[in-house]
Amino acid sequence: MFNSDLNYWTGNLAGHNGSANNGPMSNAYFAQLRAGVKPIDKLDIMLSGSYATADKTPQAVWDSREYGYEIDLTATYKLTNNLSYMVGGGYWMVGDYYKGTAAAGQDVDDNYIILNKLTLTF
């Protein structure tokens, strides 16, 4: 829902009705549970579940305040002291907030992301 990695690499993400995801999270109540395990010294696995709802809707007749639920799973392997490789996936069960007003008759689909990255630290 609020992906700073994606935003960092691709820039602003276009949204509904001219809005954009271009900065820190706003207009949201956000809850997240995270759990991780390190089965071996160089491997870190993390699972997170998130839920978000809007504080306010753009119009009084908006269908819902629910942004939705998201589940993410990532695995990071430390290749060397300053180089690590991460692979992960996320599934977003998109909430009815994105349908807009009841009059619009919109339908939304769930979304997913699969990503991998190399991180070099200095």
PDB file of N, CA and C in Angstrom:
ATOM      1  N   MET A   1       0.826  -1.191   0.000  1.00  0.00           N
ATOM      2  CA  MET A   1       0.000   0.000   0.000  1.00  0.00           C
ATOM      3  C   MET A   1       0.866   1.248   0.000  1.00  0.00           C
ATOM      4  N   PHE A   2       1.786   1.296   0.919  1.00  0.00           N
ATOM      5  CA  PHE A   2       2.670   2.450   1.031  1.00  0.00           C
ATOM      6  C   PHE A   2       4.090   1.926   0.864  1.00  0.00           C
ATOM      7  N   ASN A   3       4.558   1.812  -0.382  1.00  0.00           N
ATOM      8  CA  ASN A   3       5.810   1.147  -0.695  1.00  0.00           C
ATOM      9  C   ASN A   3       6.897   2.169  -0.961  1.00  0.00           C
ATOM     10  N   SER A   4       7.750   2.415   0.025  1.00  0.00           N
ATOM     11  CA  SER A   4       8.796   3.412  -0.159  1.00  0.00           C
ATOM     12  C   SER A   4       9.868   2.937  -1.132  1.00  0.00           C
ATOM     13  N   ASP A   5      10.139   1.627  -1.218  1.00  0.00           N
ATOM     14  CA  ASP A   5      11.121   1.127  -2.190  1.00  0.00           C
ATOM     15  C   ASP A   5      10.656   1.412  -3.609  1.00  0.00           C
ATOM     16  N   LEU A   6       9.415   1.079  -3.908  1.00  0.00           N
ATOM     17  CA  LEU A   6       8.875   1.306  -5.249  1.00  0.00           C
ATOM     18  C   LEU A   6       8.853   2.796  -5.570  1.00  0.00           C
ATOM     19  N   ASN A   7       8.406   3.611  -4.631  1.00  0.00           N
ATOM     20  CA  ASN A   7       8.342   5.055  -4.835  1.00  0.00           C
ATOM     21  C   ASN A   7       9.732   5.636  -5.059  1.00  0.00           C
ATOM     22  N   TYR A   8      10.728   5.129  -4.339  1.00  0.00           N
ATOM     23  CA  TYR A   8      12.099   5.624  -4.466  1.00  0.00           C
ATOM     24  C   TYR A   8      12.640   5.403  -5.877  1.00  0.00           C
ATOM     25  N   TRP A   9      12.399   4.226  -6.440  1.00  0.00           N
ATOM     26  CA  TRP A   9      12.981   3.881  -7.740  1.00  0.00           C
ATOM     27  C   TRP A   9      12.143   4.353  -8.924  1.00  0.00           C
ATOM     28  N   THR A  10      10.840   4.460  -8.799  1.00  0.00           N
ATOM     29  CA  THR A  10      10.005   4.815  -9.947  1.00  0.00           C
ATOM     30  C   THR A  10       9.455   6.233  -9.878  1.00  0.00           C
ATOM     31  N   GLY A  11       9.581   6.888  -8.744  1.00  0.00           N
ATOM     32  CA  GLY A  11       9.038   8.236  -8.609  1.00  0.00           C
ATOM     33  C   GLY A  11       7.579   8.204  -8.195  1.00  0.00           C
ATOM     34  N   ASN A  12       6.883   9.302  -8.437  1.00  0.00           N
ATOM     35  CA  ASN A  12       5.481   9.414  -8.040  1.00  0.00           C
ATOM     36  C   ASN A  12       4.627   8.377  -8.748  1.00  0.00           C
ATOM     37  N   LEU A  13       3.678   7.817  -8.031  1.00  0.00           N
ATOM     38  CA  LEU A  13       2.755   6.846  -8.598  1.00  0.00           C
ATOM     39  C   LEU A  13       1.404   7.515  -8.770  1.00  0.00           C
ATOM     40  N   ALA A  14       0.882   7.488  -9.983  1.00  0.00           N
ATOM     41  CA  ALA A  14      -0.398   8.130 -10.267  1.00  0.00           C
ATOM     42  C   ALA A  14      -1.525   7.400  -9.555  1.00  0.00           C
ATOM     43  N   GLY A  15      -2.470   8.159  -9.056  1.00  0.00           N
ATOM     44  CA  GLY A  15      -3.605   7.594  -8.339  1.00  0.00           C
ATOM     45  C   GLY A  15      -4.922   8.010  -8.961  1.00  0.00           C
ATOM     46  N   HIS A  16      -5.995   7.771  -8.233  1.00  0.00           N
ATOM     47  CA  HIS A  16      -7.346   8.075  -8.690  1.00  0.00           C
ATOM     48  C   HIS A  16      -7.581   9.577  -8.731  1.00  0.00           C
ATOM     49  N   ASN A  17      -8.227  10.043  -9.765  1.00  0.00           N
ATOM     50  CA  ASN A  17      -8.708  11.420  -9.861  1.00  0.00           C
ATOM     51  C   ASN A  17      -7.579  12.450  -9.744  1.00  0.00           C
ATOM     52  N   GLY A  18      -6.424  12.137 -10.352  1.00  0.00           N
ATOM     53  CA  GLY A  18      -5.320  13.087 -10.352  1.00  0.00           C
ATOM     54  C   GLY A  18      -4.458  13.074  -9.110  1.00  0.00           C
ATOM     55  N   SER A  19      -4.751  12.221  -8.149  1.00  0.00           N
ATOM     56  CA  SER A  19      -3.928  12.157  -6.947  1.00  0.00           C
ATOM     57  C   SER A  19      -2.645  11.385  -7.248  1.00  0.00           C
ATOM     58  N   ALA A  20      -1.661  11.503  -6.365  1.00  0.00           N
ATOM     59  CA  ALA A  20      -0.390  10.804  -6.555  1.00  0.00           C
ATOM     60  C   ALA A  20       0.146  10.342  -5.214  1.00  0.00           C
ATOM     61  N   ASN A  21       0.818   9.211  -5.234  1.00  0.00           N
ATOM     62  CA  ASN A  21       1.536   8.722  -4.064  1.00  0.00           C
ATOM     63  C   ASN A  21       2.952   9.252  -4.202  1.00  0.00           C
ATOM     64  N   ASN A  22       3.215  10.393  -3.577  1.00  0.00           N
ATOM     65  CA  ASN A  22       4.488  11.059  -3.818  1.00  0.00           C
ATOM     66  C   ASN A  22       5.201  11.487  -2.548  1.00  0.00           C
ATOM     67  N   GLY A  23       4.925  10.874  -1.458  1.00  0.00           N
ATOM     68  CA  GLY A  23       5.591  11.281  -0.238  1.00  0.00           C
ATOM     69  C   GLY A  23       5.209  10.381   0.909  1.00  0.00           C
ATOM     70  N   PRO A  24       5.378  10.878   2.113  1.00  0.00           N
ATOM     71  CA  PRO A  24       5.043  10.056   3.271  1.00  0.00           C
ATOM     72  C   PRO A  24       3.547   9.767   3.353  1.00  0.00           C
ATOM     73  N   MET A  25       3.217   8.720   4.050  1.00  0.00           N
ATOM     74  CA  MET A  25       1.826   8.314   4.223  1.00  0.00           C
ATOM     75  C   MET A  25       1.046   9.428   4.927  1.00  0.00           C
ATOM     76  N   SER A  26      -0.159   9.696   4.444  1.00  0.00           N
ATOM     77  CA  SER A  26      -1.029  10.677   5.082  1.00  0.00           C
ATOM     78  C   SER A  26      -2.473  10.201   4.961  1.00  0.00           C
ATOM     79  N   ASN A  27      -3.361  10.790   5.752  1.00  0.00           N
ATOM     80  CA  ASN A  27      -4.782  10.453   5.753  1.00  0.00           C
ATOM     81  C   ASN A  27      -5.012   8.960   5.968  1.00  0.00           C
ATOM     82  N   ALA A  28      -4.284   8.377   6.913  1.00  0.00           N
ATOM     83  CA  ALA A  28      -4.441   6.932   7.109  1.00  0.00           C
ATOM     84  C   ALA A  28      -4.202   6.533   8.555  1.00  0.00           C
ATOM     85  N   TYR A  29      -4.955   5.543   8.964  1.00  0.00           N
ATOM     86  CA  TYR A  29      -4.648   4.786  10.172  1.00  0.00           C
ATOM     87  C   TYR A  29      -4.040   3.490   9.664  1.00  0.00           C
ATOM     88  N   PHE A  30      -2.864   3.156  10.141  1.00  0.00           N
ATOM     89  CA  PHE A  30      -2.091   2.049   9.585  1.00  0.00           C
ATOM     90  C   PHE A  30      -1.630   1.135  10.711  1.00  0.00           C
ATOM     91  N   ALA A  31      -1.884  -0.159  10.566  1.00  0.00           N
ATOM     92  CA  ALA A  31      -1.431  -1.147  11.553  1.00  0.00           C
ATOM     93  C   ALA A  31      -0.632  -2.218  10.822  1.00  0.00           C
ATOM     94  N   GLN A  32       0.446  -2.653  11.457  1.00  0.00           N
ATOM     95  CA  GLN A  32       1.286  -3.666  10.822  1.00  0.00           C
ATOM     96  C   GLN A  32       1.854  -4.605  11.877  1.00  0.00           C
ATOM     97  N   LEU A  33       1.831  -5.899  11.551  1.00  0.00           N
ATOM     98  CA  LEU A  33       2.478  -6.921  12.366  1.00  0.00           C
ATOM     99  C   LEU A  33       3.610  -7.508  11.544  1.00  0.00           C
ATOM    100  N   ARG A  34       4.771  -7.673  12.177  1.00  0.00           N
ATOM    101  CA  ARG A  34       5.933  -8.208  11.476  1.00  0.00           C
ATOM    102  C   ARG A  34       6.555  -9.323  12.299  1.00  0.00           C
ATOM    103  N   ALA A  35       7.052 -10.323  11.596  1.00  0.00           N
ATOM    104  CA  ALA A  35       7.775 -11.419  12.244  1.00  0.00           C
ATOM    105  C   ALA A  35       8.923 -11.813  11.336  1.00  0.00           C
ATOM    106  N   GLY A  36      10.040 -12.134  11.944  1.00  0.00           N
ATOM    107  CA  GLY A  36      11.199 -12.515  11.161  1.00  0.00           C
ATOM    108  C   GLY A  36      11.920 -13.690  11.781  1.00  0.00           C
ATOM    109  N   VAL A  37      12.692 -14.344  10.948  1.00  0.00           N
ATOM    110  CA  VAL A  37      13.489 -15.480  11.402  1.00  0.00           C
ATOM    111  C   VAL A  37      14.818 -15.439  10.648  1.00  0.00           C
ATOM    112  N   LYS A  38      15.860 -15.883  11.321  1.00  0.00           N
ATOM    113  CA  LYS A  38      17.191 -15.934  10.723  1.00  0.00           C
ATOM    114  C   LYS A  38      17.677 -17.380  10.821  1.00  0.00           C
ATOM    115  N   PRO A  39      17.289 -18.244   9.853  1.00  0.00           N
ATOM    116  CA  PRO A  39      17.608 -19.672   9.951  1.00  0.00           C
ATOM    117  C   PRO A  39      19.104 -19.969   9.892  1.00  0.00           C
ATOM    118  N   ILE A  40      19.840 -19.143   9.152  1.00  0.00           N
ATOM    119  CA  ILE A  40      21.300 -19.223   9.141  1.00  0.00           C
ATOM    120  C   ILE A  40      21.833 -17.806   9.250  1.00  0.00           C
ATOM    121  N   ASP A  41      23.110 -17.689   9.543  1.00  0.00           N
ATOM    122  CA  ASP A  41      23.695 -16.384   9.827  1.00  0.00           C
ATOM    123  C   ASP A  41      23.514 -15.375   8.693  1.00  0.00           C
ATOM    124  N   LYS A  42      23.566 -15.815   7.441  1.00  0.00           N
ATOM    125  CA  LYS A  42      23.521 -14.886   6.306  1.00  0.00           C
ATOM    126  C   LYS A  42      22.128 -14.683   5.716  1.00  0.00           C
ATOM    127  N   LEU A  43      21.123 -15.364   6.214  1.00  0.00           N
ATOM    128  CA  LEU A  43      19.778 -15.293   5.638  1.00  0.00           C
ATOM    129  C   LEU A  43      18.781 -14.732   6.646  1.00  0.00           C
ATOM    130  N   ASP A  44      18.035 -13.727   6.208  1.00  0.00           N
ATOM    131  CA  ASP A  44      17.011 -13.100   7.044  1.00  0.00           C
ATOM    132  C   ASP A  44      15.680 -13.168   6.291  1.00  0.00           C
ATOM    133  N   ILE A  45      14.662 -13.774   6.893  1.00  0.00           N
ATOM    134  CA  ILE A  45      13.343 -13.903   6.277  1.00  0.00           C
ATOM    135  C   ILE A  45      12.345 -13.107   7.108  1.00  0.00           C
ATOM    136  N   MET A  46      11.511 -12.299   6.436  1.00  0.00           N
ATOM    137  CA  MET A  46      10.534 -11.487   7.155  1.00  0.00           C
ATOM    138  C   MET A  46       9.152 -11.607   6.515  1.00  0.00           C
ATOM    139  N   LEU A  47       8.151 -11.707   7.362  1.00  0.00           N
ATOM    140  CA  LEU A  47       6.747 -11.738   6.955  1.00  0.00           C
ATOM    141  C   LEU A  47       6.046 -10.580   7.647  1.00  0.00           C
ATOM    142  N   SER A  48       5.228  -9.845   6.896  1.00  0.00           N
ATOM    143  CA  SER A  48       4.472  -8.759   7.520  1.00  0.00           C
ATOM    144  C   SER A  48       3.048  -8.746   6.984  1.00  0.00           C
ATOM    145  N   GLY A  49       2.146  -8.327   7.836  1.00  0.00           N
ATOM    146  CA  GLY A  49       0.751  -8.141   7.470  1.00  0.00           C
ATOM    147  C   GLY A  49       0.332  -6.736   7.864  1.00  0.00           C
ATOM    148  N   SER A  50      -0.351  -6.044   6.973  1.00  0.00           N
ATOM    149  CA  SER A  50      -0.719  -4.649   7.208  1.00  0.00           C
ATOM    150  C   SER A  50      -2.196  -4.418   6.913  1.00  0.00           C
ATOM    151  N   TYR A  51      -2.747  -3.410   7.584  1.00  0.00           N
ATOM    152  CA  TYR A  51      -4.122  -2.967   7.343  1.00  0.00           C
ATOM    153  C   TYR A  51      -4.129  -1.445   7.416  1.00  0.00           C
ATOM    154  N   ALA A  52      -4.862  -0.813   6.504  1.00  0.00           N
ATOM    155  CA  ALA A  52      -4.961   0.646   6.527  1.00  0.00           C
ATOM    156  C   ALA A  52      -6.377   1.087   6.200  1.00  0.00           C
ATOM    157  N   THR A  53      -6.756   2.173   6.832  1.00  0.00           N
ATOM    158  CA  THR A  53      -8.053   2.793   6.582  1.00  0.00           C
ATOM    159  C   THR A  53      -7.856   4.308   6.547  1.00  0.00           C
ATOM    160  N   ALA A  54      -8.663   4.990   5.790  1.00  0.00           N
ATOM    161  CA  ALA A  54      -8.541   6.443   5.650  1.00  0.00           C
ATOM    162  C   ALA A  54      -9.117   7.153   6.867  1.00  0.00           C
ATOM    163  N   ASP A  55      -8.506   8.261   7.223  1.00  0.00           N
ATOM    164  CA  ASP A  55      -9.039   9.116   8.274  1.00  0.00           C
ATOM    165  C   ASP A  55     -10.268   9.858   7.754  1.00  0.00           C
ATOM    166  N   LYS A  56     -10.171  10.365   6.533  1.00  0.00           N
ATOM    167  CA  LYS A  56     -11.273  11.120   5.922  1.00  0.00           C
ATOM    168  C   LYS A  56     -11.454  10.655   4.484  1.00  0.00           C
ATOM    169  N   THR A  57     -12.655  10.829   3.968  1.00  0.00           N
ATOM    170  CA  THR A  57     -12.919  10.537   2.562  1.00  0.00           C
ATOM    171  C   THR A  57     -13.023  11.849   1.792  1.00  0.00           C
ATOM    172  N   PRO A  58     -12.718  11.829   0.483  1.00  0.00           N
ATOM    173  CA  PRO A  58     -12.784  13.068  -0.296  1.00  0.00           C
ATOM    174  C   PRO A  58     -14.181  13.673  -0.380  1.00  0.00           C
ATOM    175  N   GLN A  59     -15.212  12.818  -0.329  1.00  0.00           N
ATOM    176  CA  GLN A  59     -16.587  13.299  -0.416  1.00  0.00           C
ATOM    177  C   GLN A  59     -17.433  12.550   0.603  1.00  0.00           C
ATOM    178  N   ALA A  60     -18.526  13.147   0.992  1.00  0.00           N
ATOM    179  CA  ALA A  60     -19.408  12.523   1.988  1.00  0.00           C
ATOM    180  C   ALA A  60     -20.032  11.230   1.480  1.00  0.00           C
ATOM    181  N   VAL A  61     -20.183  11.078   0.173  1.00  0.00           N
ATOM    182  CA  VAL A  61     -20.848   9.893  -0.385  1.00  0.00           C
ATOM    183  C   VAL A  61     -19.856   8.796  -0.786  1.00  0.00           C
ATOM    184  N   TRP A  62     -18.626   8.892  -0.339  1.00  0.00           N
ATOM    185  CA  TRP A  62     -17.604   7.881  -0.667  1.00  0.00           C
ATOM    186  C   TRP A  62     -18.013   6.532  -0.106  1.00  0.00           C
ATOM    187  N   ASP A  63     -17.778   5.462  -0.859  1.00  0.00           N
ATOM    188  CA  ASP A  63     -18.204   4.117  -0.464  1.00  0.00           C
ATOM    189  C   ASP A  63     -17.596   3.624   0.847  1.00  0.00           C
ATOM    190  N   SER A  64     -16.306   3.818   1.027  1.00  0.00           N
ATOM    191  CA  SER A  64     -15.632   3.181   2.152  1.00  0.00           C
ATOM    192  C   SER A  64     -14.368   3.945   2.514  1.00  0.00           C
ATOM    193  N   ARG A  65     -13.895   3.727   3.714  1.00  0.00           N
ATOM    194  CA  ARG A  65     -12.618   4.289   4.152  1.00  0.00           C
ATOM    195  C   ARG A  65     -11.495   3.255   4.102  1.00  0.00           C
ATOM    196  N   GLU A  66     -11.815   2.028   3.781  1.00  0.00           N
ATOM    197  CA  GLU A  66     -10.836   0.942   3.871  1.00  0.00           C
ATOM    198  C   GLU A  66      -9.882   0.921   2.674  1.00  0.00           C
ATOM    199  N   TYR A  67      -8.578   1.127   2.950  1.00  0.00           N
ATOM    200  CA  TYR A  67      -7.546   1.000   1.917  1.00  0.00           C
ATOM    201  C   TYR A  67      -7.281  -0.471   1.601  1.00  0.00           C
ATOM    202  N   GLY A  68      -7.351  -1.317   2.616  1.00  0.00           N
ATOM    203  CA  GLY A  68      -7.189  -2.744   2.377  1.00  0.00           C
ATOM    204  C   GLY A  68      -6.161  -3.401   3.283  1.00  0.00           C
ATOM    205  N   TYR A  69      -5.851  -4.649   2.934  1.00  0.00           N
ATOM    206  CA  TYR A  69      -4.888  -5.476   3.661  1.00  0.00           C
ATOM    207  C   TYR A  69      -3.729  -5.815   2.731  1.00  0.00           C
ATOM    208  N   GLU A  70      -2.538  -5.989   3.303  1.00  0.00           N
ATOM    209  CA  GLU A  70      -1.381  -6.388   2.509  1.00  0.00           C
ATOM    210  C   GLU A  70      -0.557  -7.415   3.274  1.00  0.00           C
ATOM    211  N   ILE A  71      -0.055  -8.401   2.538  1.00  0.00           N
ATOM    212  CA  ILE A  71       0.838  -9.419   3.091  1.00  0.00           C
ATOM    213  C   ILE A  71       2.128  -9.373   2.287  1.00  0.00           C
ATOM    214  N   ASP A  72       3.265  -9.303   2.975  1.00  0.00           N
ATOM    215  CA  ASP A  72       4.575  -9.250   2.322  1.00  0.00           C
ATOM    216  C   ASP A  72       5.482 -10.331   2.889  1.00  0.00           C
ATOM    217  N   LEU A  73       6.298 -10.909   2.024  1.00  0.00           N
ATOM    218  CA  LEU A  73       7.303 -11.889   2.427  1.00  0.00           C
ATOM    219  C   LEU A  73       8.595 -11.539   1.710  1.00  0.00           C
ATOM    220  N   THR A  74       9.683 -11.359   2.473  1.00  0.00           N
ATOM    221  CA  THR A  74      10.979 -11.058   1.877  1.00  0.00           C
ATOM    222  C   THR A  74      12.044 -11.977   2.460  1.00  0.00           C
ATOM    223  N   ALA A  75      13.067 -12.215   1.662  1.00  0.00           N
ATOM    224  CA  ALA A  75      14.237 -12.971   2.107  1.00  0.00           C
ATOM    225  C   ALA A  75      15.471 -12.199   1.657  1.00  0.00           C
ATOM    226  N   THR A  76      16.372 -11.936   2.595  1.00  0.00           N
ATOM    227  CA  THR A  76      17.595 -11.204   2.297  1.00  0.00           C
ATOM    228  C   THR A  76      18.787 -12.079   2.643  1.00  0.00           C
ATOM    229  N   TYR A  77      19.678 -12.236   1.670  1.00  0.00           N
ATOM    230  CA  TYR A  77      20.872 -13.058   1.859  1.00  0.00           C
ATOM    231  C   TYR A  77      22.098 -12.161   1.765  1.00  0.00           C
ATOM    232  N   LYS A  78      22.949 -12.233   2.775  1.00  0.00           N
ATOM    233  CA  LYS A  78      24.157 -11.416   2.819  1.00  0.00           C
ATOM    234  C   LYS A  78      25.252 -12.118   2.012  1.00  0.00           C
ATOM    235  N   LEU A  79      25.551 -11.583   0.827  1.00  0.00           N
ATOM    236  CA  LEU A  79      26.551 -12.191  -0.058  1.00  0.00           C
ATOM    237  C   LEU A  79      27.974 -11.946   0.431  1.00  0.00           C
ATOM    238  N   THR A  80      28.250 -10.701   0.816  1.00  0.00           N
ATOM    239  CA  THR A  80      29.541 -10.322   1.389  1.00  0.00           C
ATOM    240  C   THR A  80      29.253  -9.359   2.534  1.00  0.00           C
ATOM    241  N   ASN A  81      30.309  -8.815   3.122  1.00  0.00           N
ATOM    242  CA  ASN A  81      30.114  -7.884   4.240  1.00  0.00           C
ATOM    243  C   ASN A  81      29.318  -6.647   3.851  1.00  0.00           C
ATOM    244  N   ASN A  82      29.426  -6.211   2.593  1.00  0.00           N
ATOM    245  CA  ASN A  82      28.726  -4.990   2.198  1.00  0.00           C
ATOM    246  C   ASN A  82      27.776  -5.184   1.013  1.00  0.00           C
ATOM    247  N   LEU A  83      27.462  -6.427   0.661  1.00  0.00           N
ATOM    248  CA  LEU A  83      26.563  -6.686  -0.457  1.00  0.00           C
ATOM    249  C   LEU A  83      25.529  -7.733  -0.058  1.00  0.00           C
ATOM    250  N   SER A  84      24.258  -7.380  -0.235  1.00  0.00           N
ATOM    251  CA  SER A  84      23.181  -8.329   0.082  1.00  0.00           C
ATOM    252  C   SER A  84      22.176  -8.365  -1.068  1.00  0.00           C
ATOM    253  N   TYR A  85      21.511  -9.502  -1.182  1.00  0.00           N
ATOM    254  CA  TYR A  85      20.506  -9.715  -2.220  1.00  0.00           C
ATOM    255  C   TYR A  85      19.166  -9.972  -1.541  1.00  0.00           C
ATOM    256  N   MET A  86      18.141  -9.256  -1.980  1.00  0.00           N
ATOM    257  CA  MET A  86      16.807  -9.415  -1.407  1.00  0.00           C
ATOM    258  C   MET A  86      15.831  -9.798  -2.508  1.00  0.00           C
ATOM    259  N   VAL A  87      14.963 -10.750  -2.213  1.00  0.00           N
ATOM    260  CA  VAL A  87      13.868 -11.113  -3.100  1.00  0.00           C
ATOM    261  C   VAL A  87      12.601 -11.101  -2.248  1.00  0.00           C
ATOM    262  N   GLY A  88      11.518 -10.647  -2.824  1.00  0.00           N
ATOM    263  CA  GLY A  88      10.297 -10.564  -2.031  1.00  0.00           C
ATOM    264  C   GLY A  88       9.060 -10.464  -2.889  1.00  0.00           C
ATOM    265  N   GLY A  89       7.954 -10.607  -2.217  1.00  0.00           N
ATOM    266  CA  GLY A  89       6.670 -10.490  -2.878  1.00  0.00           C
ATOM    267  C   GLY A  89       5.647  -9.914  -1.925  1.00  0.00           C
ATOM    268  N   GLY A  90       4.671  -9.260  -2.484  1.00  0.00           N
ATOM    269  CA  GLY A  90       3.596  -8.690  -1.688  1.00  0.00           C
ATOM    270  C   GLY A  90       2.267  -8.863  -2.392  1.00  0.00           C
ATOM    271  N   TYR A  91       1.218  -9.045  -1.606  1.00  0.00           N
ATOM    272  CA  TYR A  91      -0.133  -9.169  -2.152  1.00  0.00           C
ATOM    273  C   TYR A  91      -1.034  -8.193  -1.416  1.00  0.00           C
ATOM    274  N   TRP A  92      -1.685  -7.318  -2.159  1.00  0.00           N
ATOM    275  CA  TRP A  92      -2.538  -6.277  -1.588  1.00  0.00           C
ATOM    276  C   TRP A  92      -3.986  -6.583  -1.932  1.00  0.00           C
ATOM    277  N   MET A  93      -4.794  -6.818  -0.906  1.00  0.00           N
ATOM    278  CA  MET A  93      -6.235  -6.983  -1.066  1.00  0.00           C
ATOM    279  C   MET A  93      -6.837  -5.582  -0.989  1.00  0.00           C
ATOM    280  N   VAL A  94      -7.043  -4.984  -2.140  1.00  0.00           N
ATOM    281  CA  VAL A  94      -7.409  -3.574  -2.263  1.00  0.00           C
ATOM    282  C   VAL A  94      -8.784  -3.326  -1.652  1.00  0.00           C
ATOM    283  N   GLY A  95      -8.851  -2.300  -0.808  1.00  0.00           N
ATOM    284  CA  GLY A  95     -10.099  -1.958  -0.142  1.00  0.00           C
ATOM    285  C   GLY A  95     -11.049  -1.156  -1.015  1.00  0.00           C
ATOM    286  N   ASP A  96     -12.267  -1.017  -0.549  1.00  0.00           N
ATOM    287  CA  ASP A  96     -13.320  -0.334  -1.301  1.00  0.00           C
ATOM    288  C   ASP A  96     -13.132   1.183  -1.389  1.00  0.00           C
ATOM    289  N   TYR A  97     -12.187   1.745  -0.634  1.00  0.00           N
ATOM    290  CA  TYR A  97     -11.907   3.180  -0.732  1.00  0.00           C
ATOM    291  C   TYR A  97     -11.630   3.574  -2.179  1.00  0.00           C
ATOM    292  N   TYR A  98     -10.948   2.701  -2.902  1.00  0.00           N
ATOM    293  CA  TYR A  98     -10.529   3.012  -4.265  1.00  0.00           C
ATOM    294  C   TYR A  98     -11.651   2.876  -5.287  1.00  0.00           C
ATOM    295  N   LYS A  99     -12.819   2.437  -4.859  1.00  0.00           N
ATOM    296  CA  LYS A  99     -13.975   2.403  -5.763  1.00  0.00           C
ATOM    297  C   LYS A  99     -14.559   3.793  -5.960  1.00  0.00           C
ATOM    298  N   GLY A 100     -14.304   4.685  -5.032  1.00  0.00           N
ATOM    299  CA  GLY A 100     -14.851   6.035  -5.128  1.00  0.00           C
ATOM    300  C   GLY A 100     -16.262   6.093  -4.587  1.00  0.00           C
ATOM    301  N   THR A 101     -17.134   6.775  -5.308  1.00  0.00           N
ATOM    302  CA  THR A 101     -18.519   6.920  -4.868  1.00  0.00           C
ATOM    303  C   THR A 101     -19.363   5.773  -5.413  1.00  0.00           C
ATOM    304  N   ALA A 102     -20.472   5.530  -4.761  1.00  0.00           N
ATOM    305  CA  ALA A 102     -21.377   4.461  -5.206  1.00  0.00           C
ATOM    306  C   ALA A 102     -21.888   4.735  -6.614  1.00  0.00           C
ATOM    307  N   ALA A 103     -22.050   6.003  -6.948  1.00  0.00           N
ATOM    308  CA  ALA A 103     -22.567   6.365  -8.271  1.00  0.00           C
ATOM    309  C   ALA A 103     -21.576   6.034  -9.386  1.00  0.00           C
ATOM    310  N   ALA A 104     -20.295   5.942  -9.054  1.00  0.00           N
ATOM    311  CA  ALA A 104     -19.278   5.711 -10.077  1.00  0.00           C
ATOM    312  C   ALA A 104     -19.315   4.283 -10.615  1.00  0.00           C
ATOM    313  N   GLY A 105     -19.791   3.323  -9.826  1.00  0.00           N
ATOM    314  CA  GLY A 105     -19.875   1.935 -10.267  1.00  0.00           C
ATOM    315  C   GLY A 105     -18.523   1.297 -10.530  1.00  0.00           C
ATOM    316  N   GLN A 106     -17.504   1.728  -9.825  1.00  0.00           N
ATOM    317  CA  GLN A 106     -16.147   1.221 -10.023  1.00  0.00           C
ATOM    318  C   GLN A 106     -15.961  -0.150  -9.380  1.00  0.00           C
ATOM    319  N   ASP A 107     -15.040  -0.910  -9.939  1.00  0.00           N
ATOM    320  CA  ASP A 107     -14.621  -2.165  -9.335  1.00  0.00           C
ATOM    321  C   ASP A 107     -13.096  -2.147  -9.288  1.00  0.00           C
ATOM    322  N   VAL A 108     -12.526  -2.719  -8.261  1.00  0.00           N
ATOM    323  CA  VAL A 108     -11.072  -2.737  -8.125  1.00  0.00           C
ATOM    324  C   VAL A 108     -10.586  -4.176  -8.038  1.00  0.00           C
ATOM    325  N   ASP A 109      -9.372  -4.391  -8.504  1.00  0.00           N
ATOM    326  CA  ASP A 109      -8.743  -5.705  -8.434  1.00  0.00           C
ATOM    327  C   ASP A 109      -7.631  -5.679  -7.403  1.00  0.00           C
ATOM    328  N   ASP A 110      -7.384  -6.827  -6.791  1.00  0.00           N
ATOM    329  CA  ASP A 110      -6.245  -6.951  -5.899  1.00  0.00           C
ATOM    330  C   ASP A 110      -4.968  -6.789  -6.714  1.00  0.00           C
ATOM    331  N   ASN A 111      -3.873  -6.497  -6.030  1.00  0.00           N
ATOM    332  CA  ASN A 111      -2.624  -6.210  -6.714  1.00  0.00           C
ATOM    333  C   ASN A 111      -1.489  -6.963  -6.052  1.00  0.00           C
ATOM    334  N   TYR A 112      -0.418  -7.172  -6.784  1.00  0.00           N
ATOM    335  CA  TYR A 112       0.744  -7.854  -6.225  1.00  0.00           C
ATOM    336  C   TYR A 112       2.019  -7.232  -6.776  1.00  0.00           C
ATOM    337  N   ILE A 113       3.122  -7.510  -6.090  1.00  0.00           N
ATOM    338  CA  ILE A 113       4.432  -7.062  -6.538  1.00  0.00           C
ATOM    339  C   ILE A 113       5.433  -8.167  -6.233  1.00  0.00           C
ATOM    340  N   ILE A 114       6.324  -8.386  -7.171  1.00  0.00           N
ATOM    341  CA  ILE A 114       7.456  -9.290  -6.973  1.00  0.00           C
ATOM    342  C   ILE A 114       8.690  -8.469  -7.299  1.00  0.00           C
ATOM    343  N   LEU A 115       9.663  -8.473  -6.394  1.00  0.00           N
ATOM    344  CA  LEU A 115      10.833  -7.647  -6.614  1.00  0.00           C
ATOM    345  C   LEU A 115      12.087  -8.347  -6.140  1.00  0.00           C
ATOM    346  N   ASN A 116      13.207  -7.895  -6.678  1.00  0.00           N
ATOM    347  CA  ASN A 116      14.506  -8.340  -6.183  1.00  0.00           C
ATOM    348  C   ASN A 116      15.452  -7.162  -6.288  1.00  0.00           C
ATOM    349  N   LYS A 117      16.448  -7.144  -5.419  1.00  0.00           N
ATOM    350  CA  LYS A 117      17.389  -6.029  -5.448  1.00  0.00           C
ATOM    351  C   LYS A 117      18.709  -6.435  -4.812  1.00  0.00           C
ATOM    352  N   LEU A 118      19.745  -5.787  -5.259  1.00  0.00           N
ATOM    353  CA  LEU A 118      21.063  -5.887  -4.650  1.00  0.00           C
ATOM    354  C   LEU A 118      21.294  -4.602  -3.875  1.00  0.00           C
ATOM    355  N   THR A 119      21.807  -4.711  -2.667  1.00  0.00           N
ATOM    356  CA  THR A 119      22.094  -3.537  -1.855  1.00  0.00           C
ATOM    357  C   THR A 119      23.578  -3.527  -1.518  1.00  0.00           C
ATOM    358  N   LEU A 120      24.241  -2.457  -1.917  1.00  0.00           N
ATOM    359  CA  LEU A 120      25.656  -2.270  -1.627  1.00  0.00           C
ATOM    360  C   LEU A 120      25.772  -1.167  -0.590  1.00  0.00           C
ATOM    361  N   THR A 121      26.387  -1.469   0.531  1.00  0.00           N
ATOM    362  CA  THR A 121      26.559  -0.472   1.592  1.00  0.00           C
ATOM    363  C   THR A 121      28.026  -0.070   1.677  1.00  0.00           C
ATOM    364  N   PHE A 122      28.245   1.178   2.020  1.00  0.00           N
ATOM    365  CA  PHE A 122      29.612   1.700   2.114  1.00  0.00           C
ATOM    366  C   PHE A 122      29.968   1.960   3.551  1.00  0.00           C
TER     367      PHE A 122
END
